[in-house]
Amino acid sequence: MSTALPDPAATGGRIELLLEASAAAGPVARERAEELVRLVVELYGAGLERVLELAHEAGALDDDLLTSLAADELVSSLLLVHGLHPYGVAERVERALDDVRPYLGSHGGDVQLLEITGDGVVRLQLLGSCDGCASSPVTLELAVEDAIYAAAPEVVRIEVEQQREAHAPGLIPVESLTARLRTDDQPGGVVWTAAARLDELAVGELRRTTVAGLPVLLCRLLSGVYAYRDACAACGTPFEGAGLQRAPSTPGSAVLTCHGCGTHFDVRRAGVDLEQPERHLEPMPLLERDGVVEVAVRASVPA
């Protein structure tokens, strides 16, 4: 029997709304409501810490269990709230970058962590074809930034250094000549198109839809929403009737299975084929703005 996964973001939003509503009864009611929430959090935090202590005393809190706890979005968020996460901010940022590297690799790029300052600033460098290309800001915002902030909410800012290739003196890069031709509002540019409302997508849901004539597969997990072209990378068939499952051997995974050929893809790792890692689904850039999930599609060029 499957149980629907809770949505921490929705729960947190509901708590905030209830606290705001309590203010209507006056400052005393607001203070009492805030104290109630604080006491409940402290109580559950103490209980969670005790569970970890008991597991450690029993010899069960080994590296495998720690990895599983840290990979689960809900458990990891609770550990972070209570200061109990087994990994420091640097290791969590590195793990987040490892998670998005398959996505960057699918575009021929990579990212390098340069520094994490004492005041919570993460400095990165884009490498490969992600460096300097027109889509690199989108890649950063959708993949790298989201992954880092989810893994390390204490990070206050992310700064990116882009490695530029040297050009011969007097040589004008082709990119500078065509940059004005590749805008969001002109033919051939990238257009952000609404695909669904976020509150209409349940956690764990797969939705097949069409955006600007393209078949798109939306997958909502606790870690966010992912978008792929609705076509199996192995056989090309759409994911009609497919569902998400967790792979027992891969903590935190969300596996999508093609009903046509039985191939398994990891949604959280850029849709990589679990049997043939060199193959993956086609990811689509995605933004969540004002409660709307938008997908980037390329505008058609008039004949």
C-alpha atoms as a PDB file:
ATOM      1  CA  MET A   1       0.000   0.000   0.000  1.00  0.00           C
ATOM      2  CA  SER A   2       1.577   3.294  -1.135  1.00  0.00           C
ATOM      3  CA  THR A   3       1.320   6.434   0.960  1.00  0.00           C
ATOM      4  CA  ALA A   4       1.432   9.910  -0.546  1.00  0.00           C
ATOM      5  CA  LEU A   5       4.633  11.721   0.313  1.00  0.00           C
ATOM      6  CA  PRO A   6       4.220  14.908   2.395  1.00  0.00           C
ATOM      7  CA  ASP A   7       5.119  18.190   0.773  1.00  0.00           C
ATOM      8  CA  PRO A   8       7.386  20.080   3.233  1.00  0.00           C
ATOM      9  CA  ALA A   9       7.077  23.320   1.282  1.00  0.00           C
ATOM     10  CA  ALA A  10       3.277  23.186   1.360  1.00  0.00           C
ATOM     11  CA  THR A  11       3.299  22.275   5.051  1.00  0.00           C
ATOM     12  CA  GLY A  12       5.653  25.135   5.845  1.00  0.00           C
ATOM     13  CA  GLY A  13       3.471  27.533   3.897  1.00  0.00           C
ATOM     14  CA  ARG A  14       0.392  26.360   5.762  1.00  0.00           C
ATOM     15  CA  ILE A  15       2.113  26.872   9.126  1.00  0.00           C
ATOM     16  CA  GLU A  16       3.060  30.406   8.080  1.00  0.00           C
ATOM     17  CA  LEU A  17      -0.532  31.148   7.064  1.00  0.00           C
ATOM     18  CA  LEU A  18      -1.832  29.883  10.398  1.00  0.00           C
ATOM     19  CA  LEU A  19       0.666  32.050  12.276  1.00  0.00           C
ATOM     20  CA  GLU A  20      -0.403  35.076  10.252  1.00  0.00           C
ATOM     21  CA  ALA A  21      -4.054  34.279  10.925  1.00  0.00           C
ATOM     22  CA  SER A  22      -3.365  34.090  14.657  1.00  0.00           C
ATOM     23  CA  ALA A  23      -2.170  37.699  14.537  1.00  0.00           C
ATOM     24  CA  ALA A  24      -5.769  38.759  13.858  1.00  0.00           C
ATOM     25  CA  ALA A  25      -6.569  37.835  17.467  1.00  0.00           C
ATOM     26  CA  GLY A  26      -3.906  40.218  18.749  1.00  0.00           C
ATOM     27  CA  PRO A  27      -0.185  40.142  19.616  1.00  0.00           C
ATOM     28  CA  VAL A  28      -0.689  37.829  22.614  1.00  0.00           C
ATOM     29  CA  ALA A  29      -2.338  35.158  20.430  1.00  0.00           C
ATOM     30  CA  ARG A  30       0.461  35.525  17.869  1.00  0.00           C
ATOM     31  CA  GLU A  31       3.170  35.102  20.510  1.00  0.00           C
ATOM     32  CA  ARG A  32       1.454  32.022  21.935  1.00  0.00           C
ATOM     33  CA  ALA A  33       1.111  30.442  18.490  1.00  0.00           C
ATOM     34  CA  GLU A  34       4.792  31.093  17.742  1.00  0.00           C
ATOM     35  CA  GLU A  35       5.794  29.656  21.111  1.00  0.00           C
ATOM     36  CA  LEU A  36       3.686  26.564  20.445  1.00  0.00           C
ATOM     37  CA  VAL A  37       5.396  25.982  17.093  1.00  0.00           C
ATOM     38  CA  ARG A  38       8.834  26.540  18.640  1.00  0.00           C
ATOM     39  CA  LEU A  39       8.173  24.095  21.472  1.00  0.00           C
ATOM     40  CA  VAL A  40       6.883  21.424  19.089  1.00  0.00           C
ATOM     41  CA  VAL A  41       9.960  21.848  16.871  1.00  0.00           C
ATOM     42  CA  GLU A  42      12.263  21.617  19.889  1.00  0.00           C
ATOM     43  CA  LEU A  43      10.451  18.508  21.138  1.00  0.00           C
ATOM     44  CA  TYR A  44      10.685  16.688  17.820  1.00  0.00           C
ATOM     45  CA  GLY A  45      14.273  17.855  17.395  1.00  0.00           C
ATOM     46  CA  ALA A  46      15.219  16.364  20.761  1.00  0.00           C
ATOM     47  CA  GLY A  47      13.460  13.133  19.844  1.00  0.00           C
ATOM     48  CA  LEU A  48      15.202  12.954  16.479  1.00  0.00           C
ATOM     49  CA  GLU A  49      18.573  13.553  18.126  1.00  0.00           C
ATOM     50  CA  ARG A  50      17.847  10.778  20.630  1.00  0.00           C
ATOM     51  CA  VAL A  51      16.952   8.372  17.800  1.00  0.00           C
ATOM     52  CA  LEU A  52      20.328   9.040  16.186  1.00  0.00           C
ATOM     53  CA  GLU A  53      22.103   8.541  19.512  1.00  0.00           C
ATOM     54  CA  LEU A  54      20.365   5.195  20.073  1.00  0.00           C
ATOM     55  CA  ALA A  55      21.209   4.073  16.546  1.00  0.00           C
ATOM     56  CA  HIS A  56      24.847   5.044  17.148  1.00  0.00           C
ATOM     57  CA  GLU A  57      24.979   3.221  20.476  1.00  0.00           C
ATOM     58  CA  ALA A  58      23.526   0.114  18.822  1.00  0.00           C
ATOM     59  CA  GLY A  59      26.178   0.272  16.105  1.00  0.00           C
ATOM     60  CA  ALA A  60      23.539   0.751  13.406  1.00  0.00           C
ATOM     61  CA  LEU A  61      24.470   4.319  12.464  1.00  0.00           C
ATOM     62  CA  ASP A  62      27.036   3.317   9.862  1.00  0.00           C
ATOM     63  CA  ASP A  63      28.071   5.092   6.678  1.00  0.00           C
ATOM     64  CA  ASP A  64      25.373   3.396   4.595  1.00  0.00           C
ATOM     65  CA  LEU A  65      22.606   4.520   6.936  1.00  0.00           C
ATOM     66  CA  LEU A  66      24.007   8.061   7.113  1.00  0.00           C
ATOM     67  CA  THR A  67      24.109   8.201   3.317  1.00  0.00           C
ATOM     68  CA  SER A  68      20.496   7.011   3.094  1.00  0.00           C
ATOM     69  CA  LEU A  69      19.326   9.563   5.677  1.00  0.00           C
ATOM     70  CA  ALA A  70      21.191  12.405   3.979  1.00  0.00           C
ATOM     71  CA  ALA A  71      19.845  11.400   0.536  1.00  0.00           C
ATOM     72  CA  ASP A  72      16.194  11.439   1.612  1.00  0.00           C
ATOM     73  CA  GLU A  73      14.824  14.938   0.993  1.00  0.00           C
ATOM     74  CA  LEU A  74      12.363  14.995   3.893  1.00  0.00           C
ATOM     75  CA  VAL A  75      14.696  13.433   6.484  1.00  0.00           C
ATOM     76  CA  SER A  76      17.599  15.584   5.315  1.00  0.00           C
ATOM     77  CA  SER A  77      15.535  18.765   5.682  1.00  0.00           C
ATOM     78  CA  LEU A  78      14.576  17.791   9.242  1.00  0.00           C
ATOM     79  CA  LEU A  79      18.199  17.071  10.121  1.00  0.00           C
ATOM     80  CA  LEU A  80      19.181  20.476   8.749  1.00  0.00           C
ATOM     81  CA  VAL A  81      16.482  22.286  10.736  1.00  0.00           C
ATOM     82  CA  HIS A  82      17.694  20.734  13.970  1.00  0.00           C
ATOM     83  CA  GLY A  83      21.416  21.021  13.249  1.00  0.00           C
ATOM     84  CA  LEU A  84      21.814  17.239  13.111  1.00  0.00           C
ATOM     85  CA  HIS A  85      22.876  16.752   9.499  1.00  0.00           C
ATOM     86  CA  PRO A  86      25.864  14.356   9.300  1.00  0.00           C
ATOM     87  CA  TYR A  87      27.593  16.338   6.547  1.00  0.00           C
ATOM     88  CA  GLY A  88      29.000  19.872   6.688  1.00  0.00           C
ATOM     89  CA  VAL A  89      28.035  22.579   4.224  1.00  0.00           C
ATOM     90  CA  ALA A  90      31.076  21.980   1.976  1.00  0.00           C
ATOM     91  CA  GLU A  91      30.349  18.281   1.571  1.00  0.00           C
ATOM     92  CA  ARG A  92      26.648  18.938   0.971  1.00  0.00           C
ATOM     93  CA  VAL A  93      27.472  21.469  -1.741  1.00  0.00           C
ATOM     94  CA  GLU A  94      29.883  19.000  -3.386  1.00  0.00           C
ATOM     95  CA  ARG A  95      27.222  16.272  -3.288  1.00  0.00           C
ATOM     96  CA  ALA A  96      24.675  18.668  -4.808  1.00  0.00           C
ATOM     97  CA  LEU A  97      27.081  19.456  -7.650  1.00  0.00           C
ATOM     98  CA  ASP A  98      27.650  15.729  -8.212  1.00  0.00           C
ATOM     99  CA  ASP A  99      23.881  15.315  -8.578  1.00  0.00           C
ATOM    100  CA  VAL A 100      23.636  17.955 -11.322  1.00  0.00           C
ATOM    101  CA  ARG A 101      26.811  17.058 -13.207  1.00  0.00           C
ATOM    102  CA  PRO A 102      24.995  14.494 -15.400  1.00  0.00           C
ATOM    103  CA  TYR A 103      22.615  17.301 -16.447  1.00  0.00           C
ATOM    104  CA  LEU A 104      25.498  19.644 -17.243  1.00  0.00           C
ATOM    105  CA  GLY A 105      27.317  16.804 -18.973  1.00  0.00           C
ATOM    106  CA  SER A 106      24.330  16.260 -21.238  1.00  0.00           C
ATOM    107  CA  HIS A 107      25.043  19.791 -22.534  1.00  0.00           C
ATOM    108  CA  GLY A 108      28.795  19.187 -22.731  1.00  0.00           C
ATOM    109  CA  GLY A 109      29.633  21.201 -19.619  1.00  0.00           C
ATOM    110  CA  ASP A 110      30.681  20.926 -16.001  1.00  0.00           C
ATOM    111  CA  VAL A 111      30.995  23.046 -12.862  1.00  0.00           C
ATOM    112  CA  GLN A 112      33.827  23.437 -10.359  1.00  0.00           C
ATOM    113  CA  LEU A 113      33.527  24.547  -6.735  1.00  0.00           C
ATOM    114  CA  LEU A 114      36.123  27.256  -6.108  1.00  0.00           C
ATOM    115  CA  GLU A 115      35.391  28.390  -2.576  1.00  0.00           C
ATOM    116  CA  ILE A 116      32.841  28.606   0.224  1.00  0.00           C
ATOM    117  CA  THR A 117      33.467  31.747   2.245  1.00  0.00           C
ATOM    118  CA  GLY A 118      32.903  32.117   5.962  1.00  0.00           C
ATOM    119  CA  ASP A 119      29.882  34.335   5.370  1.00  0.00           C
ATOM    120  CA  GLY A 120      28.036  31.736   3.282  1.00  0.00           C
ATOM    121  CA  VAL A 121      28.991  32.688  -0.282  1.00  0.00           C
ATOM    122  CA  VAL A 122      29.590  29.833  -2.743  1.00  0.00           C
ATOM    123  CA  ARG A 123      31.923  30.613  -5.645  1.00  0.00           C
ATOM    124  CA  LEU A 124      31.715  28.408  -8.745  1.00  0.00           C
ATOM    125  CA  GLN A 125      33.184  28.231 -12.216  1.00  0.00           C
ATOM    126  CA  LEU A 126      31.355  26.917 -15.270  1.00  0.00           C
ATOM    127  CA  LEU A 127      33.447  24.696 -17.531  1.00  0.00           C
ATOM    128  CA  GLY A 128      33.155  23.177 -20.980  1.00  0.00           C
ATOM    129  CA  SER A 129      30.439  24.281 -23.366  1.00  0.00           C
ATOM    130  CA  CYS A 130      28.360  25.668 -20.467  1.00  0.00           C
ATOM    131  CA  ASP A 131      30.970  28.409 -20.172  1.00  0.00           C
ATOM    132  CA  GLY A 132      29.950  31.523 -22.025  1.00  0.00           C
ATOM    133  CA  CYS A 133      27.106  29.947 -23.986  1.00  0.00           C
ATOM    134  CA  ALA A 134      23.725  31.610 -24.225  1.00  0.00           C
ATOM    135  CA  SER A 135      22.065  28.950 -22.077  1.00  0.00           C
ATOM    136  CA  SER A 136      24.601  28.982 -19.204  1.00  0.00           C
ATOM    137  CA  PRO A 137      22.574  31.366 -16.966  1.00  0.00           C
ATOM    138  CA  VAL A 138      19.556  29.102 -17.417  1.00  0.00           C
ATOM    139  CA  THR A 139      21.619  25.990 -16.684  1.00  0.00           C
ATOM    140  CA  LEU A 140      23.010  27.596 -13.546  1.00  0.00           C
ATOM    141  CA  GLU A 141      19.681  28.805 -12.217  1.00  0.00           C
ATOM    142  CA  LEU A 142      17.749  25.634 -12.950  1.00  0.00           C
ATOM    143  CA  ALA A 143      20.314  22.994 -12.066  1.00  0.00           C
ATOM    144  CA  VAL A 144      23.190  24.251  -9.965  1.00  0.00           C
ATOM    145  CA  GLU A 145      21.584  26.954  -7.835  1.00  0.00           C
ATOM    146  CA  ASP A 146      18.477  24.929  -7.014  1.00  0.00           C
ATOM    147  CA  ALA A 147      20.567  21.904  -6.034  1.00  0.00           C
ATOM    148  CA  ILE A 148      22.883  23.945  -3.791  1.00  0.00           C
ATOM    149  CA  TYR A 149      20.144  25.867  -2.005  1.00  0.00           C
ATOM    150  CA  ALA A 150      18.187  22.668  -1.401  1.00  0.00           C
ATOM    151  CA  ALA A 151      21.227  20.874   0.034  1.00  0.00           C
ATOM    152  CA  ALA A 152      22.622  23.852   1.965  1.00  0.00           C
ATOM    153  CA  PRO A 153      19.938  26.424   2.843  1.00  0.00           C
ATOM    154  CA  GLU A 154      22.481  28.338   4.932  1.00  0.00           C
ATOM    155  CA  VAL A 155      24.188  29.479   1.718  1.00  0.00           C
ATOM    156  CA  VAL A 156      23.381  33.183   1.293  1.00  0.00           C
ATOM    157  CA  ARG A 157      24.674  33.779  -2.232  1.00  0.00           C
ATOM    158  CA  ILE A 158      26.140  31.959  -5.234  1.00  0.00           C
ATOM    159  CA  GLU A 159      28.733  33.678  -7.416  1.00  0.00           C
ATOM    160  CA  VAL A 160      29.850  32.325 -10.769  1.00  0.00           C
ATOM    161  CA  GLU A 161      33.112  32.909 -12.571  1.00  0.00           C
ATOM    162  CA  GLN A 162      33.092  32.019 -16.237  1.00  0.00           C
ATOM    163  CA  GLN A 163      36.291  30.939 -17.927  1.00  0.00           C
ATOM    164  CA  ARG A 164      36.750  32.877 -21.140  1.00  0.00           C
ATOM    165  CA  GLU A 165      38.759  31.694 -24.125  1.00  0.00           C
ATOM    166  CA  ALA A 166      41.340  34.146 -25.437  1.00  0.00           C
ATOM    167  CA  HIS A 167      40.652  35.579 -28.883  1.00  0.00           C
ATOM    168  CA  ALA A 168      43.292  36.750 -31.311  1.00  0.00           C
ATOM    169  CA  PRO A 169      43.791  40.547 -31.397  1.00  0.00           C
ATOM    170  CA  GLY A 170      41.305  42.195 -33.690  1.00  0.00           C
ATOM    171  CA  LEU A 171      39.162  39.060 -33.959  1.00  0.00           C
ATOM    172  CA  ILE A 172      35.497  39.693 -33.214  1.00  0.00           C
ATOM    173  CA  PRO A 173      33.829  36.592 -31.689  1.00  0.00           C
ATOM    174  CA  VAL A 174      30.911  35.285 -33.719  1.00  0.00           C
ATOM    175  CA  GLU A 175      28.832  35.241 -30.531  1.00  0.00           C
ATOM    176  CA  SER A 176      29.026  39.029 -30.259  1.00  0.00           C
ATOM    177  CA  LEU A 177      27.653  39.393 -33.784  1.00  0.00           C
ATOM    178  CA  THR A 178      24.717  37.066 -33.244  1.00  0.00           C
ATOM    179  CA  ALA A 179      23.854  37.848 -29.616  1.00  0.00           C
ATOM    180  CA  ARG A 180      21.339  40.529 -30.571  1.00  0.00           C
ATOM    181  CA  LEU A 181      19.656  38.065 -32.910  1.00  0.00           C
ATOM    182  CA  ARG A 182      19.060  35.455 -30.200  1.00  0.00           C
ATOM    183  CA  THR A 183      16.602  37.099 -27.830  1.00  0.00           C
ATOM    184  CA  ASP A 184      13.616  35.649 -26.052  1.00  0.00           C
ATOM    185  CA  ASP A 185      11.233  37.763 -28.129  1.00  0.00           C
ATOM    186  CA  GLN A 186      12.653  37.034 -31.578  1.00  0.00           C
ATOM    187  CA  PRO A 187      12.323  33.998 -33.865  1.00  0.00           C
ATOM    188  CA  GLY A 188      14.835  31.290 -33.055  1.00  0.00           C
ATOM    189  CA  GLY A 189      15.284  32.489 -29.472  1.00  0.00           C
ATOM    190  CA  VAL A 190      14.246  30.739 -26.268  1.00  0.00           C
ATOM    191  CA  VAL A 191      10.693  31.339 -25.068  1.00  0.00           C
ATOM    192  CA  TRP A 192       9.532  30.468 -21.559  1.00  0.00           C
ATOM    193  CA  THR A 193       6.108  28.847 -21.828  1.00  0.00           C
ATOM    194  CA  ALA A 194       3.728  27.888 -19.027  1.00  0.00           C
ATOM    195  CA  ALA A 195       3.407  24.108 -18.638  1.00  0.00           C
ATOM    196  CA  ALA A 196       1.355  23.730 -15.429  1.00  0.00           C
ATOM    197  CA  ARG A 197       0.532  25.365 -12.131  1.00  0.00           C
ATOM    198  CA  LEU A 198       2.746  24.147  -9.311  1.00  0.00           C
ATOM    199  CA  ASP A 199      -0.171  23.609  -6.917  1.00  0.00           C
ATOM    200  CA  GLU A 200      -1.773  21.299  -9.482  1.00  0.00           C
ATOM    201  CA  LEU A 201       1.203  18.904  -9.413  1.00  0.00           C
ATOM    202  CA  ALA A 202       1.220  16.484  -6.483  1.00  0.00           C
ATOM    203  CA  VAL A 203       4.521  15.238  -5.080  1.00  0.00           C
ATOM    204  CA  GLY A 204       5.351  11.971  -6.828  1.00  0.00           C
ATOM    205  CA  GLU A 205       3.148  12.822  -9.833  1.00  0.00           C
ATOM    206  CA  LEU A 206       4.061  12.388 -13.491  1.00  0.00           C
ATOM    207  CA  ARG A 207       2.237  14.543 -15.989  1.00  0.00           C
ATOM    208  CA  ARG A 208       2.412  14.254 -19.755  1.00  0.00           C
ATOM    209  CA  THR A 209       1.572  17.490 -21.520  1.00  0.00           C
ATOM    210  CA  THR A 210       2.290  19.484 -24.664  1.00  0.00           C
ATOM    211  CA  VAL A 211       4.162  22.777 -24.557  1.00  0.00           C
ATOM    212  CA  ALA A 212       4.408  24.823 -27.747  1.00  0.00           C
ATOM    213  CA  GLY A 213       3.780  21.656 -29.745  1.00  0.00           C
ATOM    214  CA  LEU A 214       6.444  19.623 -27.921  1.00  0.00           C
ATOM    215  CA  PRO A 215       5.564  16.537 -25.839  1.00  0.00           C
ATOM    216  CA  VAL A 216       6.816  17.180 -22.297  1.00  0.00           C
ATOM    217  CA  LEU A 217       6.970  14.990 -19.204  1.00  0.00           C
ATOM    218  CA  LEU A 218       6.746  16.827 -15.848  1.00  0.00           C
ATOM    219  CA  CYS A 219       7.885  15.027 -12.690  1.00  0.00           C
ATOM    220  CA  ARG A 220       7.376  16.553  -9.265  1.00  0.00           C
ATOM    221  CA  LEU A 221       9.523  15.281  -6.392  1.00  0.00           C
ATOM    222  CA  LEU A 222      10.238  16.644  -2.931  1.00  0.00           C
ATOM    223  CA  SER A 223      13.390  18.210  -4.379  1.00  0.00           C
ATOM    224  CA  GLY A 224      11.425  20.089  -7.062  1.00  0.00           C
ATOM    225  CA  VAL A 225       9.955  19.721 -10.535  1.00  0.00           C
ATOM    226  CA  TYR A 226      11.850  18.132 -13.431  1.00  0.00           C
ATOM    227  CA  ALA A 227      10.989  18.375 -17.132  1.00  0.00           C
ATOM    228  CA  TYR A 228      12.008  16.026 -19.935  1.00  0.00           C
ATOM    229  CA  ARG A 229      11.033  15.468 -23.528  1.00  0.00           C
ATOM    230  CA  ASP A 230       8.302  12.813 -23.414  1.00  0.00           C
ATOM    231  CA  ALA A 231      10.260  10.166 -25.302  1.00  0.00           C
ATOM    232  CA  CYS A 232      12.238   7.161 -24.096  1.00  0.00           C
ATOM    233  CA  ALA A 233      15.947   7.572 -24.850  1.00  0.00           C
ATOM    234  CA  ALA A 234      16.156   3.870 -25.714  1.00  0.00           C
ATOM    235  CA  CYS A 235      13.116   3.201 -27.904  1.00  0.00           C
ATOM    236  CA  GLY A 236      11.571   6.634 -28.489  1.00  0.00           C
ATOM    237  CA  THR A 237       8.088   5.781 -27.187  1.00  0.00           C
ATOM    238  CA  PRO A 238       6.235   8.224 -24.889  1.00  0.00           C
ATOM    239  CA  PHE A 239       5.881   7.451 -21.171  1.00  0.00           C
ATOM    240  CA  GLU A 240       2.152   6.724 -21.269  1.00  0.00           C
ATOM    241  CA  GLY A 241       0.981   5.027 -18.074  1.00  0.00           C
ATOM    242  CA  ALA A 242       4.435   5.243 -16.453  1.00  0.00           C
ATOM    243  CA  GLY A 243       5.042   5.883 -12.762  1.00  0.00           C
ATOM    244  CA  LEU A 244       7.875   6.706 -10.363  1.00  0.00           C
ATOM    245  CA  GLN A 245       9.573   4.220  -8.063  1.00  0.00           C
ATOM    246  CA  ARG A 246      12.565   4.245  -5.745  1.00  0.00           C
ATOM    247  CA  ALA A 247      15.539   2.022  -6.481  1.00  0.00           C
ATOM    248  CA  PRO A 248      16.468   0.086  -3.314  1.00  0.00           C
ATOM    249  CA  SER A 249      20.172   0.287  -4.153  1.00  0.00           C
ATOM    250  CA  THR A 250      20.115   4.053  -4.851  1.00  0.00           C
ATOM    251  CA  PRO A 251      19.040   6.234  -1.901  1.00  0.00           C
ATOM    252  CA  GLY A 252      16.991   9.267  -2.901  1.00  0.00           C
ATOM    253  CA  SER A 253      16.422   8.025  -6.447  1.00  0.00           C
ATOM    254  CA  ALA A 254      13.235   8.410  -8.464  1.00  0.00           C
ATOM    255  CA  VAL A 255      13.135   5.799 -11.218  1.00  0.00           C
ATOM    256  CA  LEU A 256      11.031   6.153 -14.355  1.00  0.00           C
ATOM    257  CA  THR A 257      10.391   2.939 -16.304  1.00  0.00           C
ATOM    258  CA  CYS A 258       9.540   2.839 -20.002  1.00  0.00           C
ATOM    259  CA  HIS A 259       6.587   0.517 -20.606  1.00  0.00           C
ATOM    260  CA  GLY A 260       7.709  -0.016 -24.170  1.00  0.00           C
ATOM    261  CA  CYS A 261      11.194  -1.469 -23.586  1.00  0.00           C
ATOM    262  CA  GLY A 262      11.559  -1.640 -19.785  1.00  0.00           C
ATOM    263  CA  THR A 263      14.495   0.790 -19.601  1.00  0.00           C
ATOM    264  CA  HIS A 264      14.942   2.562 -16.249  1.00  0.00           C
ATOM    265  CA  PHE A 265      15.856   6.242 -15.922  1.00  0.00           C
ATOM    266  CA  ASP A 266      16.797   8.205 -12.792  1.00  0.00           C
ATOM    267  CA  VAL A 267      14.748  11.411 -12.853  1.00  0.00           C
ATOM    268  CA  ARG A 268      16.861  13.235 -10.254  1.00  0.00           C
ATOM    269  CA  ARG A 269      20.127  12.541 -12.103  1.00  0.00           C
ATOM    270  CA  ALA A 270      19.322  14.181 -15.428  1.00  0.00           C
ATOM    271  CA  GLY A 271      17.314  11.157 -16.582  1.00  0.00           C
ATOM    272  CA  VAL A 272      20.353   8.885 -16.801  1.00  0.00           C
ATOM    273  CA  ASP A 273      19.767   5.336 -18.049  1.00  0.00           C
ATOM    274  CA  LEU A 274      20.509   3.076 -15.069  1.00  0.00           C
ATOM    275  CA  GLU A 275      21.622   0.230 -17.341  1.00  0.00           C
ATOM    276  CA  GLN A 276      23.624   2.330 -19.830  1.00  0.00           C
ATOM    277  CA  PRO A 277      24.803   5.541 -18.077  1.00  0.00           C
ATOM    278  CA  GLU A 278      26.034   7.088 -21.317  1.00  0.00           C
ATOM    279  CA  ARG A 279      22.396   7.397 -22.391  1.00  0.00           C
ATOM    280  CA  HIS A 280      19.855   9.731 -20.795  1.00  0.00           C
ATOM    281  CA  LEU A 281      16.512  11.442 -21.323  1.00  0.00           C
ATOM    282  CA  GLU A 282      16.466  14.865 -22.918  1.00  0.00           C
ATOM    283  CA  PRO A 283      16.129  17.431 -20.090  1.00  0.00           C
ATOM    284  CA  MET A 284      14.274  20.671 -20.706  1.00  0.00           C
ATOM    285  CA  PRO A 285      15.117  23.935 -18.886  1.00  0.00           C
ATOM    286  CA  LEU A 286      12.463  24.731 -16.306  1.00  0.00           C
ATOM    287  CA  LEU A 287      11.569  27.646 -14.030  1.00  0.00           C
ATOM    288  CA  GLU A 288       9.064  28.018 -11.215  1.00  0.00           C
ATOM    289  CA  ARG A 289       7.793  31.607 -11.170  1.00  0.00           C
ATOM    290  CA  ASP A 290       4.771  32.940  -9.285  1.00  0.00           C
ATOM    291  CA  GLY A 291       3.415  29.441  -8.771  1.00  0.00           C
ATOM    292  CA  VAL A 292       3.681  28.538 -12.471  1.00  0.00           C
ATOM    293  CA  VAL A 293       5.987  25.902 -13.958  1.00  0.00           C
ATOM    294  CA  GLU A 294       7.521  27.232 -17.179  1.00  0.00           C
ATOM    295  CA  VAL A 295       9.522  25.292 -19.748  1.00  0.00           C
ATOM    296  CA  ALA A 296      11.984  26.836 -22.200  1.00  0.00           C
ATOM    297  CA  VAL A 297      11.263  26.048 -25.841  1.00  0.00           C
ATOM    298  CA  ARG A 298      12.922  27.446 -28.924  1.00  0.00           C
ATOM    299  CA  ALA A 299      10.799  29.758 -31.032  1.00  0.00           C
ATOM    300  CA  SER A 300      10.237  28.683 -34.603  1.00  0.00           C
ATOM    301  CA  VAL A 301      12.091  30.470 -37.370  1.00  0.00           C
ATOM    302  CA  PRO A 302       9.775  31.751 -40.104  1.00  0.00           C
ATOM    303  CA  ALA A 303      10.371  30.426 -43.568  1.00  0.00           C
END
